[in-house]
């Protein structure tokens, strides 16, 4: 009985060792997205591509990317634009407000097909503030001072701007805090079934904070929620925030974005730097 068992084991072993031909994949070379919108791709930060071939999800890839595909012949390729949700490397996300790119290709083993995707905002995307106003170049988004220092204020400047004019907030040891709020936005979705995101360009040589304010028609009874603390960024950067859960939590009628700039101190209460600057631009709210 033991001899028979040993013989079966040998048969299975040698059968498993029999060489089999490995399938040879075709390859898709996914180039960075072109964007058909104000500012083009330079005003976005599309870091990833979410790739489907014949409705099969192949994964998310950092752009540019080479994607192996175990398929041969005619195929439909669909590519979605991906960003880092809330600026975190750990949270890559398909950005729902940019349309997917679709094309038909012919795949062959060991052959590379180049895909140059294009995108634009989806037709049902809603911008509560006109995009042209959020650039601060012509008619501007209304901002108001919220701190108690009558000396400090924001300015619209071309010096060091992202493009055209940008918002600049400067502080020093004599006037160490600036707080500003945007004009209010009414009726943002707050049930969670429709996403609300914020796009923002920024440059800063010191930390600053973003908050969301909510009210029932009176600024005297505003509720507030912290959204993000920015670390210094010596060059212009873009970030995408998913505000959906914050709005569900606040459940208010009107909302404002609130930016707080405070010259940093150490544990002894001493200033860590003599002065600091924060620049903002392209403050786009978008929802379904």
C-alpha atoms as a PDB file:
ATOM      1  CA  UNK A   1       0.000   0.000   0.000  1.00  0.00           C
ATOM      2  CA  UNK A   2       2.888   2.301   0.880  1.00  0.00           C
ATOM      3  CA  UNK A   3       4.607   1.473  -2.437  1.00  0.00           C
ATOM      4  CA  UNK A   4       1.458   2.357  -4.329  1.00  0.00           C
ATOM      5  CA  UNK A   5       1.169   5.680  -2.480  1.00  0.00           C
ATOM      6  CA  UNK A   6       4.821   6.488  -3.274  1.00  0.00           C
ATOM      7  CA  UNK A   7       4.287   5.713  -6.934  1.00  0.00           C
ATOM      8  CA  UNK A   8       1.288   8.065  -7.072  1.00  0.00           C
ATOM      9  CA  UNK A   9       3.308  10.840  -5.439  1.00  0.00           C
ATOM     10  CA  UNK A  10       6.069  10.452  -8.049  1.00  0.00           C
ATOM     11  CA  UNK A  11       3.570  10.546 -10.888  1.00  0.00           C
ATOM     12  CA  UNK A  12       1.997  13.755  -9.533  1.00  0.00           C
ATOM     13  CA  UNK A  13       5.442  15.315  -8.918  1.00  0.00           C
ATOM     14  CA  UNK A  14       6.827  14.657 -12.383  1.00  0.00           C
ATOM     15  CA  UNK A  15       3.541  15.680 -13.958  1.00  0.00           C
ATOM     16  CA  UNK A  16       3.721  19.020 -12.134  1.00  0.00           C
ATOM     17  CA  UNK A  17       7.290  19.557 -13.344  1.00  0.00           C
ATOM     18  CA  UNK A  18       6.307  19.297 -16.983  1.00  0.00           C
ATOM     19  CA  UNK A  19       7.156  22.526 -18.780  1.00  0.00           C
ATOM     20  CA  UNK A  20       4.219  24.657 -19.873  1.00  0.00           C
ATOM     21  CA  UNK A  21       4.373  27.668 -22.155  1.00  0.00           C
ATOM     22  CA  UNK A  22       3.986  30.938 -20.261  1.00  0.00           C
ATOM     23  CA  UNK A  23       1.450  33.313 -21.844  1.00  0.00           C
ATOM     24  CA  UNK A  24       3.123  36.366 -23.385  1.00  0.00           C
ATOM     25  CA  UNK A  25       1.350  39.622 -22.517  1.00  0.00           C
ATOM     26  CA  UNK A  26       0.685  42.616 -24.703  1.00  0.00           C
ATOM     27  CA  UNK A  27       1.561  46.004 -23.208  1.00  0.00           C
ATOM     28  CA  UNK A  28      -0.204  49.353 -22.880  1.00  0.00           C
ATOM     29  CA  UNK A  29       1.983  52.426 -22.469  1.00  0.00           C
ATOM     30  CA  UNK A  30      -0.271  54.943 -20.660  1.00  0.00           C
ATOM     31  CA  UNK A  31       0.930  58.526 -21.087  1.00  0.00           C
ATOM     32  CA  UNK A  32      -0.050  61.444 -18.786  1.00  0.00           C
ATOM     33  CA  UNK A  33      -3.511  62.902 -19.334  1.00  0.00           C
ATOM     34  CA  UNK A  34      -4.216  65.934 -21.482  1.00  0.00           C
ATOM     35  CA  UNK A  35      -6.987  68.024 -19.882  1.00  0.00           C
ATOM     36  CA  UNK A  36      -9.503  69.997 -21.926  1.00  0.00           C
ATOM     37  CA  UNK A  37     -10.296  72.654 -19.322  1.00  0.00           C
ATOM     38  CA  UNK A  38      -9.045  76.049 -18.184  1.00  0.00           C
ATOM     39  CA  UNK A  39      -5.340  75.703 -17.408  1.00  0.00           C
ATOM     40  CA  UNK A  40      -5.077  72.283 -19.039  1.00  0.00           C
ATOM     41  CA  UNK A  41      -3.025  69.521 -17.447  1.00  0.00           C
ATOM     42  CA  UNK A  42      -0.706  72.088 -15.810  1.00  0.00           C
ATOM     43  CA  UNK A  43      -3.571  73.161 -13.541  1.00  0.00           C
ATOM     44  CA  UNK A  44      -4.312  69.602 -12.467  1.00  0.00           C
ATOM     45  CA  UNK A  45      -2.313  66.966 -10.615  1.00  0.00           C
ATOM     46  CA  UNK A  46      -3.394  63.680 -12.173  1.00  0.00           C
ATOM     47  CA  UNK A  47      -0.929  61.198 -10.739  1.00  0.00           C
ATOM     48  CA  UNK A  48      -2.512  57.862 -11.593  1.00  0.00           C
ATOM     49  CA  UNK A  49      -4.418  55.968 -14.257  1.00  0.00           C
ATOM     50  CA  UNK A  50      -7.126  53.444 -13.408  1.00  0.00           C
ATOM     51  CA  UNK A  51      -7.142  51.028 -16.337  1.00  0.00           C
ATOM     52  CA  UNK A  52      -9.876  48.746 -17.680  1.00  0.00           C
ATOM     53  CA  UNK A  53      -9.619  46.461 -20.722  1.00  0.00           C
ATOM     54  CA  UNK A  54     -12.926  45.056 -21.997  1.00  0.00           C
ATOM     55  CA  UNK A  55     -14.518  46.067 -18.661  1.00  0.00           C
ATOM     56  CA  UNK A  56     -11.927  44.105 -16.668  1.00  0.00           C
ATOM     57  CA  UNK A  57     -10.141  46.220 -14.043  1.00  0.00           C
ATOM     58  CA  UNK A  58      -6.354  45.856 -14.366  1.00  0.00           C
ATOM     59  CA  UNK A  59      -5.403  48.192 -11.512  1.00  0.00           C
ATOM     60  CA  UNK A  60      -4.269  51.705 -10.698  1.00  0.00           C
ATOM     61  CA  UNK A  61      -0.867  52.792 -12.044  1.00  0.00           C
ATOM     62  CA  UNK A  62       1.386  55.782 -11.458  1.00  0.00           C
ATOM     63  CA  UNK A  63       1.735  57.799 -14.664  1.00  0.00           C
ATOM     64  CA  UNK A  64       3.380  57.261 -17.059  1.00  0.00           C
ATOM     65  CA  UNK A  65       2.830  53.512 -16.820  1.00  0.00           C
ATOM     66  CA  UNK A  66       3.459  50.297 -18.725  1.00  0.00           C
ATOM     67  CA  UNK A  67       0.577  47.892 -18.169  1.00  0.00           C
ATOM     68  CA  UNK A  68       0.789  44.181 -19.129  1.00  0.00           C
ATOM     69  CA  UNK A  69      -2.401  42.718 -20.626  1.00  0.00           C
ATOM     70  CA  UNK A  70      -3.084  39.010 -21.144  1.00  0.00           C
ATOM     71  CA  UNK A  71      -5.261  39.554 -24.191  1.00  0.00           C
ATOM     72  CA  UNK A  72      -4.934  39.295 -27.931  1.00  0.00           C
ATOM     73  CA  UNK A  73      -6.854  40.981 -30.726  1.00  0.00           C
ATOM     74  CA  UNK A  74      -9.379  43.824 -30.621  1.00  0.00           C
ATOM     75  CA  UNK A  75     -10.031  45.344 -27.198  1.00  0.00           C
ATOM     76  CA  UNK A  76     -11.653  48.387 -25.636  1.00  0.00           C
ATOM     77  CA  UNK A  77      -9.405  50.325 -23.243  1.00  0.00           C
ATOM     78  CA  UNK A  78     -10.892  52.710 -20.691  1.00  0.00           C
ATOM     79  CA  UNK A  79      -8.656  54.948 -18.572  1.00  0.00           C
ATOM     80  CA  UNK A  80      -9.821  56.981 -15.570  1.00  0.00           C
ATOM     81  CA  UNK A  81      -7.916  59.910 -14.041  1.00  0.00           C
ATOM     82  CA  UNK A  82      -6.627  59.294 -10.522  1.00  0.00           C
ATOM     83  CA  UNK A  83      -5.494  61.751  -7.823  1.00  0.00           C
ATOM     84  CA  UNK A  84      -4.266  61.539  -4.246  1.00  0.00           C
ATOM     85  CA  UNK A  85      -7.360  62.121  -2.113  1.00  0.00           C
ATOM     86  CA  UNK A  86      -6.684  64.754   0.579  1.00  0.00           C
ATOM     87  CA  UNK A  87      -3.090  64.932  -0.623  1.00  0.00           C
ATOM     88  CA  UNK A  88      -2.134  61.565   0.888  1.00  0.00           C
ATOM     89  CA  UNK A  89      -0.001  59.027  -0.963  1.00  0.00           C
ATOM     90  CA  UNK A  90      -1.858  56.279   0.891  1.00  0.00           C
ATOM     91  CA  UNK A  91      -5.239  57.290  -0.568  1.00  0.00           C
ATOM     92  CA  UNK A  92      -5.117  57.106  -4.371  1.00  0.00           C
ATOM     93  CA  UNK A  93      -8.598  57.761  -5.722  1.00  0.00           C
ATOM     94  CA  UNK A  94     -10.408  57.836  -9.015  1.00  0.00           C
ATOM     95  CA  UNK A  95     -11.352  61.498  -9.417  1.00  0.00           C
ATOM     96  CA  UNK A  96     -15.097  61.436 -10.113  1.00  0.00           C
ATOM     97  CA  UNK A  97     -15.348  64.857 -11.778  1.00  0.00           C
ATOM     98  CA  UNK A  98     -12.995  64.117 -14.672  1.00  0.00           C
ATOM     99  CA  UNK A  99     -14.381  62.018 -17.525  1.00  0.00           C
ATOM    100  CA  UNK A 100     -12.829  58.717 -18.545  1.00  0.00           C
ATOM    101  CA  UNK A 101     -10.984  58.174 -21.818  1.00  0.00           C
ATOM    102  CA  UNK A 102     -11.967  55.269 -24.047  1.00  0.00           C
ATOM    103  CA  UNK A 103     -10.364  53.902 -27.190  1.00  0.00           C
ATOM    104  CA  UNK A 104     -10.287  50.709 -29.286  1.00  0.00           C
ATOM    105  CA  UNK A 105      -6.944  48.985 -29.856  1.00  0.00           C
ATOM    106  CA  UNK A 106      -5.562  45.793 -31.356  1.00  0.00           C
ATOM    107  CA  UNK A 107      -3.406  43.890 -28.863  1.00  0.00           C
ATOM    108  CA  UNK A 108      -0.590  41.531 -29.831  1.00  0.00           C
ATOM    109  CA  UNK A 109       1.736  39.529 -27.548  1.00  0.00           C
ATOM    110  CA  UNK A 110       5.016  41.338 -26.751  1.00  0.00           C
ATOM    111  CA  UNK A 111       3.782  44.443 -28.600  1.00  0.00           C
ATOM    112  CA  UNK A 112       3.382  47.840 -26.905  1.00  0.00           C
ATOM    113  CA  UNK A 113       0.436  50.102 -27.725  1.00  0.00           C
ATOM    114  CA  UNK A 114       0.707  53.752 -26.686  1.00  0.00           C
ATOM    115  CA  UNK A 115      -2.381  55.325 -25.088  1.00  0.00           C
ATOM    116  CA  UNK A 116      -2.476  59.147 -24.821  1.00  0.00           C
ATOM    117  CA  UNK A 117      -5.616  59.787 -22.740  1.00  0.00           C
ATOM    118  CA  UNK A 118      -7.594  63.017 -22.730  1.00  0.00           C
ATOM    119  CA  UNK A 119     -10.152  64.163 -20.195  1.00  0.00           C
ATOM    120  CA  UNK A 120     -12.414  67.043 -19.225  1.00  0.00           C
ATOM    121  CA  UNK A 121     -14.829  67.766 -16.405  1.00  0.00           C
ATOM    122  CA  UNK A 122     -17.938  65.596 -16.597  1.00  0.00           C
ATOM    123  CA  UNK A 123     -21.026  67.313 -17.960  1.00  0.00           C
ATOM    124  CA  UNK A 124     -22.955  67.135 -14.678  1.00  0.00           C
ATOM    125  CA  UNK A 125     -20.196  68.635 -12.515  1.00  0.00           C
ATOM    126  CA  UNK A 126     -21.454  71.699 -10.614  1.00  0.00           C
ATOM    127  CA  UNK A 127     -19.131  74.590  -9.719  1.00  0.00           C
ATOM    128  CA  UNK A 128     -20.775  76.818  -7.064  1.00  0.00           C
ATOM    129  CA  UNK A 129     -18.226  79.535  -7.878  1.00  0.00           C
ATOM    130  CA  UNK A 130     -17.457  80.310 -11.513  1.00  0.00           C
ATOM    131  CA  UNK A 131     -13.992  78.959 -12.280  1.00  0.00           C
ATOM    132  CA  UNK A 132     -12.900  82.315 -13.713  1.00  0.00           C
ATOM    133  CA  UNK A 133     -13.612  83.991 -10.341  1.00  0.00           C
ATOM    134  CA  UNK A 134     -11.530  81.463  -8.416  1.00  0.00           C
ATOM    135  CA  UNK A 135      -8.417  82.337 -10.436  1.00  0.00           C
ATOM    136  CA  UNK A 136      -8.447  85.893  -8.950  1.00  0.00           C
ATOM    137  CA  UNK A 137      -7.352  87.287 -12.313  1.00  0.00           C
ATOM    138  CA  UNK A 138     -10.439  89.322 -13.289  1.00  0.00           C
ATOM    139  CA  UNK A 139     -13.553  89.291 -11.134  1.00  0.00           C
ATOM    140  CA  UNK A 140     -12.484  87.623  -7.916  1.00  0.00           C
ATOM    141  CA  UNK A 141     -13.935  85.325  -5.324  1.00  0.00           C
ATOM    142  CA  UNK A 142     -14.880  87.457  -2.316  1.00  0.00           C
ATOM    143  CA  UNK A 143     -12.682  86.965   0.751  1.00  0.00           C
ATOM    144  CA  UNK A 144     -13.055  88.609   4.159  1.00  0.00           C
ATOM    145  CA  UNK A 145     -10.732  89.095   7.132  1.00  0.00           C
ATOM    146  CA  UNK A 146     -11.687  87.148  10.242  1.00  0.00           C
ATOM    147  CA  UNK A 147      -8.832  87.885  12.661  1.00  0.00           C
ATOM    148  CA  UNK A 148      -8.715  90.675  15.248  1.00  0.00           C
ATOM    149  CA  UNK A 149      -5.594  92.334  13.854  1.00  0.00           C
ATOM    150  CA  UNK A 150      -6.538  95.365  11.760  1.00  0.00           C
ATOM    151  CA  UNK A 151      -3.004  95.556  10.333  1.00  0.00           C
ATOM    152  CA  UNK A 152      -2.850  92.109   8.758  1.00  0.00           C
ATOM    153  CA  UNK A 153      -4.792  91.391   5.601  1.00  0.00           C
ATOM    154  CA  UNK A 154      -4.570  89.395   2.414  1.00  0.00           C
ATOM    155  CA  UNK A 155      -3.576  90.938  -0.910  1.00  0.00           C
ATOM    156  CA  UNK A 156      -3.999  89.911  -4.532  1.00  0.00           C
ATOM    157  CA  UNK A 157      -0.574  89.968  -6.124  1.00  0.00           C
ATOM    158  CA  UNK A 158       1.255  89.024  -9.326  1.00  0.00           C
ATOM    159  CA  UNK A 159       4.595  88.670  -7.504  1.00  0.00           C
ATOM    160  CA  UNK A 160       5.173  84.976  -6.886  1.00  0.00           C
ATOM    161  CA  UNK A 161       1.704  84.155  -8.226  1.00  0.00           C
ATOM    162  CA  UNK A 162       0.712  80.823  -9.718  1.00  0.00           C
ATOM    163  CA  UNK A 163      -0.671  82.479 -12.839  1.00  0.00           C
ATOM    164  CA  UNK A 164      -1.850  86.070 -13.176  1.00  0.00           C
ATOM    165  CA  UNK A 165      -2.827  87.005  -9.604  1.00  0.00           C
ATOM    166  CA  UNK A 166      -2.882  84.923  -6.439  1.00  0.00           C
ATOM    167  CA  UNK A 167      -3.958  85.472  -2.840  1.00  0.00           C
ATOM    168  CA  UNK A 168      -1.037  86.275  -0.533  1.00  0.00           C
ATOM    169  CA  UNK A 169      -1.104  86.204   3.284  1.00  0.00           C
ATOM    170  CA  UNK A 170       2.047  87.414   5.049  1.00  0.00           C
ATOM    171  CA  UNK A 171       2.772  87.372   8.780  1.00  0.00           C
ATOM    172  CA  UNK A 172       5.676  88.367  11.025  1.00  0.00           C
ATOM    173  CA  UNK A 173       6.441  88.405  14.744  1.00  0.00           C
ATOM    174  CA  UNK A 174       4.586  91.712  15.255  1.00  0.00           C
ATOM    175  CA  UNK A 175       1.472  90.502  13.428  1.00  0.00           C
ATOM    176  CA  UNK A 176       1.603  86.736  13.607  1.00  0.00           C
ATOM    177  CA  UNK A 177      -1.938  85.650  12.634  1.00  0.00           C
ATOM    178  CA  UNK A 178      -4.163  86.049   9.568  1.00  0.00           C
ATOM    179  CA  UNK A 179      -7.575  84.442   9.285  1.00  0.00           C
ATOM    180  CA  UNK A 180      -9.733  84.777   6.178  1.00  0.00           C
ATOM    181  CA  UNK A 181     -12.997  83.223   5.004  1.00  0.00           C
ATOM    182  CA  UNK A 182     -14.529  82.874   1.563  1.00  0.00           C
ATOM    183  CA  UNK A 183     -17.941  84.111   0.569  1.00  0.00           C
ATOM    184  CA  UNK A 184     -20.661  81.663   1.554  1.00  0.00           C
ATOM    185  CA  UNK A 185     -21.941  78.792  -0.547  1.00  0.00           C
ATOM    186  CA  UNK A 186     -25.558  77.714  -0.218  1.00  0.00           C
ATOM    187  CA  UNK A 187     -27.128  74.281  -0.594  1.00  0.00           C
ATOM    188  CA  UNK A 188     -24.039  72.107  -0.843  1.00  0.00           C
ATOM    189  CA  UNK A 189     -25.076  68.419  -0.839  1.00  0.00           C
ATOM    190  CA  UNK A 190     -24.890  67.064   2.711  1.00  0.00           C
ATOM    191  CA  UNK A 191     -26.549  63.635   2.529  1.00  0.00           C
ATOM    192  CA  UNK A 192     -23.434  61.750   1.419  1.00  0.00           C
ATOM    193  CA  UNK A 193     -24.937  60.411  -1.799  1.00  0.00           C
ATOM    194  CA  UNK A 194     -23.385  63.217  -3.884  1.00  0.00           C
ATOM    195  CA  UNK A 195     -19.687  63.912  -3.518  1.00  0.00           C
ATOM    196  CA  UNK A 196     -18.280  67.385  -2.859  1.00  0.00           C
ATOM    197  CA  UNK A 197     -14.596  68.106  -3.463  1.00  0.00           C
ATOM    198  CA  UNK A 198     -12.290  71.111  -3.214  1.00  0.00           C
ATOM    199  CA  UNK A 199      -9.391  71.733  -5.590  1.00  0.00           C
ATOM    200  CA  UNK A 200      -6.707  74.149  -4.450  1.00  0.00           C
ATOM    201  CA  UNK A 201      -3.296  75.436  -5.504  1.00  0.00           C
ATOM    202  CA  UNK A 202      -0.990  76.623  -2.722  1.00  0.00           C
ATOM    203  CA  UNK A 203       2.580  77.650  -1.935  1.00  0.00           C
ATOM    204  CA  UNK A 204       3.802  78.334   1.606  1.00  0.00           C
ATOM    205  CA  UNK A 205       7.000  78.618   3.621  1.00  0.00           C
ATOM    206  CA  UNK A 206       5.167  77.892   6.903  1.00  0.00           C
ATOM    207  CA  UNK A 207       2.270  75.687   8.021  1.00  0.00           C
ATOM    208  CA  UNK A 208      -1.341  76.867   7.717  1.00  0.00           C
ATOM    209  CA  UNK A 209      -4.799  75.411   8.270  1.00  0.00           C
ATOM    210  CA  UNK A 210      -7.978  74.837   6.272  1.00  0.00           C
ATOM    211  CA  UNK A 211     -11.320  74.697   8.099  1.00  0.00           C
ATOM    212  CA  UNK A 212     -14.919  74.335   6.939  1.00  0.00           C
ATOM    213  CA  UNK A 213     -17.477  76.704   8.488  1.00  0.00           C
ATOM    214  CA  UNK A 214     -21.202  76.013   8.481  1.00  0.00           C
ATOM    215  CA  UNK A 215     -24.109  78.225   9.498  1.00  0.00           C
ATOM    216  CA  UNK A 216     -27.871  78.623   9.360  1.00  0.00           C
ATOM    217  CA  UNK A 217     -27.758  82.071   7.795  1.00  0.00           C
ATOM    218  CA  UNK A 218     -25.820  83.839  10.583  1.00  0.00           C
ATOM    219  CA  UNK A 219     -22.045  84.011  10.989  1.00  0.00           C
ATOM    220  CA  UNK A 220     -22.521  84.542  14.745  1.00  0.00           C
ATOM    221  CA  UNK A 221     -23.503  80.876  15.156  1.00  0.00           C
ATOM    222  CA  UNK A 222     -21.033  79.208  12.820  1.00  0.00           C
ATOM    223  CA  UNK A 223     -19.976  75.625  13.388  1.00  0.00           C
ATOM    224  CA  UNK A 224     -16.450  74.714  12.356  1.00  0.00           C
ATOM    225  CA  UNK A 225     -14.546  71.576  11.433  1.00  0.00           C
ATOM    226  CA  UNK A 226     -10.783  71.320  10.813  1.00  0.00           C
ATOM    227  CA  UNK A 227     -10.030  69.841   7.397  1.00  0.00           C
ATOM    228  CA  UNK A 228      -6.264  69.903   6.897  1.00  0.00           C
ATOM    229  CA  UNK A 229      -2.978  71.330   8.156  1.00  0.00           C
ATOM    230  CA  UNK A 230      -0.578  72.149   5.342  1.00  0.00           C
ATOM    231  CA  UNK A 231       3.123  71.547   5.669  1.00  0.00           C
ATOM    232  CA  UNK A 232       5.505  74.000   3.955  1.00  0.00           C
ATOM    233  CA  UNK A 233       5.741  73.723   0.160  1.00  0.00           C
ATOM    234  CA  UNK A 234       8.405  75.911  -1.433  1.00  0.00           C
ATOM    235  CA  UNK A 235       6.909  75.470  -4.910  1.00  0.00           C
ATOM    236  CA  UNK A 236       3.307  75.569  -6.098  1.00  0.00           C
ATOM    237  CA  UNK A 237       1.372  72.403  -5.346  1.00  0.00           C
ATOM    238  CA  UNK A 238      -2.180  71.199  -6.006  1.00  0.00           C
ATOM    239  CA  UNK A 239      -4.385  69.235  -3.647  1.00  0.00           C
ATOM    240  CA  UNK A 240      -7.805  67.582  -3.911  1.00  0.00           C
ATOM    241  CA  UNK A 241     -10.001  67.364  -0.789  1.00  0.00           C
ATOM    242  CA  UNK A 242     -13.063  65.174  -0.434  1.00  0.00           C
ATOM    243  CA  UNK A 243     -15.360  67.320   1.734  1.00  0.00           C
ATOM    244  CA  UNK A 244     -18.358  64.967   1.576  1.00  0.00           C
ATOM    245  CA  UNK A 245     -18.062  63.566   5.118  1.00  0.00           C
ATOM    246  CA  UNK A 246     -17.417  67.015   6.610  1.00  0.00           C
ATOM    247  CA  UNK A 247     -20.661  68.312   5.117  1.00  0.00           C
ATOM    248  CA  UNK A 248     -22.606  65.277   6.341  1.00  0.00           C
ATOM    249  CA  UNK A 249     -21.226  65.951   9.808  1.00  0.00           C
ATOM    250  CA  UNK A 250     -22.009  69.676   9.871  1.00  0.00           C
ATOM    251  CA  UNK A 251     -25.539  69.615   8.345  1.00  0.00           C
ATOM    252  CA  UNK A 252     -25.827  73.376   7.804  1.00  0.00           C
ATOM    253  CA  UNK A 253     -27.448  75.593   5.158  1.00  0.00           C
ATOM    254  CA  UNK A 254     -24.464  77.794   4.281  1.00  0.00           C
ATOM    255  CA  UNK A 255     -20.763  77.047   4.159  1.00  0.00           C
ATOM    256  CA  UNK A 256     -17.481  78.940   3.924  1.00  0.00           C
ATOM    257  CA  UNK A 257     -13.871  77.903   3.569  1.00  0.00           C
ATOM    258  CA  UNK A 258     -11.698  79.294   6.344  1.00  0.00           C
ATOM    259  CA  UNK A 259      -7.897  79.665   6.160  1.00  0.00           C
ATOM    260  CA  UNK A 260      -5.804  80.312   9.270  1.00  0.00           C
ATOM    261  CA  UNK A 261      -2.151  81.376   9.050  1.00  0.00           C
ATOM    262  CA  UNK A 262      -0.253  81.531  12.343  1.00  0.00           C
ATOM    263  CA  UNK A 263       3.518  82.027  12.614  1.00  0.00           C
ATOM    264  CA  UNK A 264       4.739  78.795  14.250  1.00  0.00           C
ATOM    265  CA  UNK A 265       6.165  78.710  17.764  1.00  0.00           C
ATOM    266  CA  UNK A 266       8.267  76.106  19.564  1.00  0.00           C
ATOM    267  CA  UNK A 267       7.355  74.364  22.830  1.00  0.00           C
ATOM    268  CA  UNK A 268       8.715  77.372  24.769  1.00  0.00           C
ATOM    269  CA  UNK A 269       6.413  79.772  22.949  1.00  0.00           C
ATOM    270  CA  UNK A 270       9.201  81.359  20.892  1.00  0.00           C
ATOM    271  CA  UNK A 271       8.695  82.024  17.190  1.00  0.00           C
ATOM    272  CA  UNK A 272      10.408  79.490  14.962  1.00  0.00           C
ATOM    273  CA  UNK A 273      10.816  81.997  12.113  1.00  0.00           C
ATOM    274  CA  UNK A 274      10.692  85.763  11.770  1.00  0.00           C
ATOM    275  CA  UNK A 275       8.104  85.911   8.992  1.00  0.00           C
ATOM    276  CA  UNK A 276       6.105  83.703   6.670  1.00  0.00           C
ATOM    277  CA  UNK A 277       4.004  83.739   3.511  1.00  0.00           C
ATOM    278  CA  UNK A 278       1.111  81.658   2.208  1.00  0.00           C
ATOM    279  CA  UNK A 279      -0.197  81.854  -1.375  1.00  0.00           C
ATOM    280  CA  UNK A 280      -3.534  80.453  -2.599  1.00  0.00           C
ATOM    281  CA  UNK A 281      -5.045  80.143  -6.068  1.00  0.00           C
ATOM    282  CA  UNK A 282      -7.691  78.296  -8.111  1.00  0.00           C
ATOM    283  CA  UNK A 283     -10.016  77.559  -5.183  1.00  0.00           C
ATOM    284  CA  UNK A 284     -12.533  75.300  -6.967  1.00  0.00           C
ATOM    285  CA  UNK A 285     -15.498  73.706  -5.218  1.00  0.00           C
ATOM    286  CA  UNK A 286     -17.154  71.019  -7.317  1.00  0.00           C
ATOM    287  CA  UNK A 287     -20.002  68.587  -6.688  1.00  0.00           C
ATOM    288  CA  UNK A 288     -22.687  66.518  -8.405  1.00  0.00           C
END
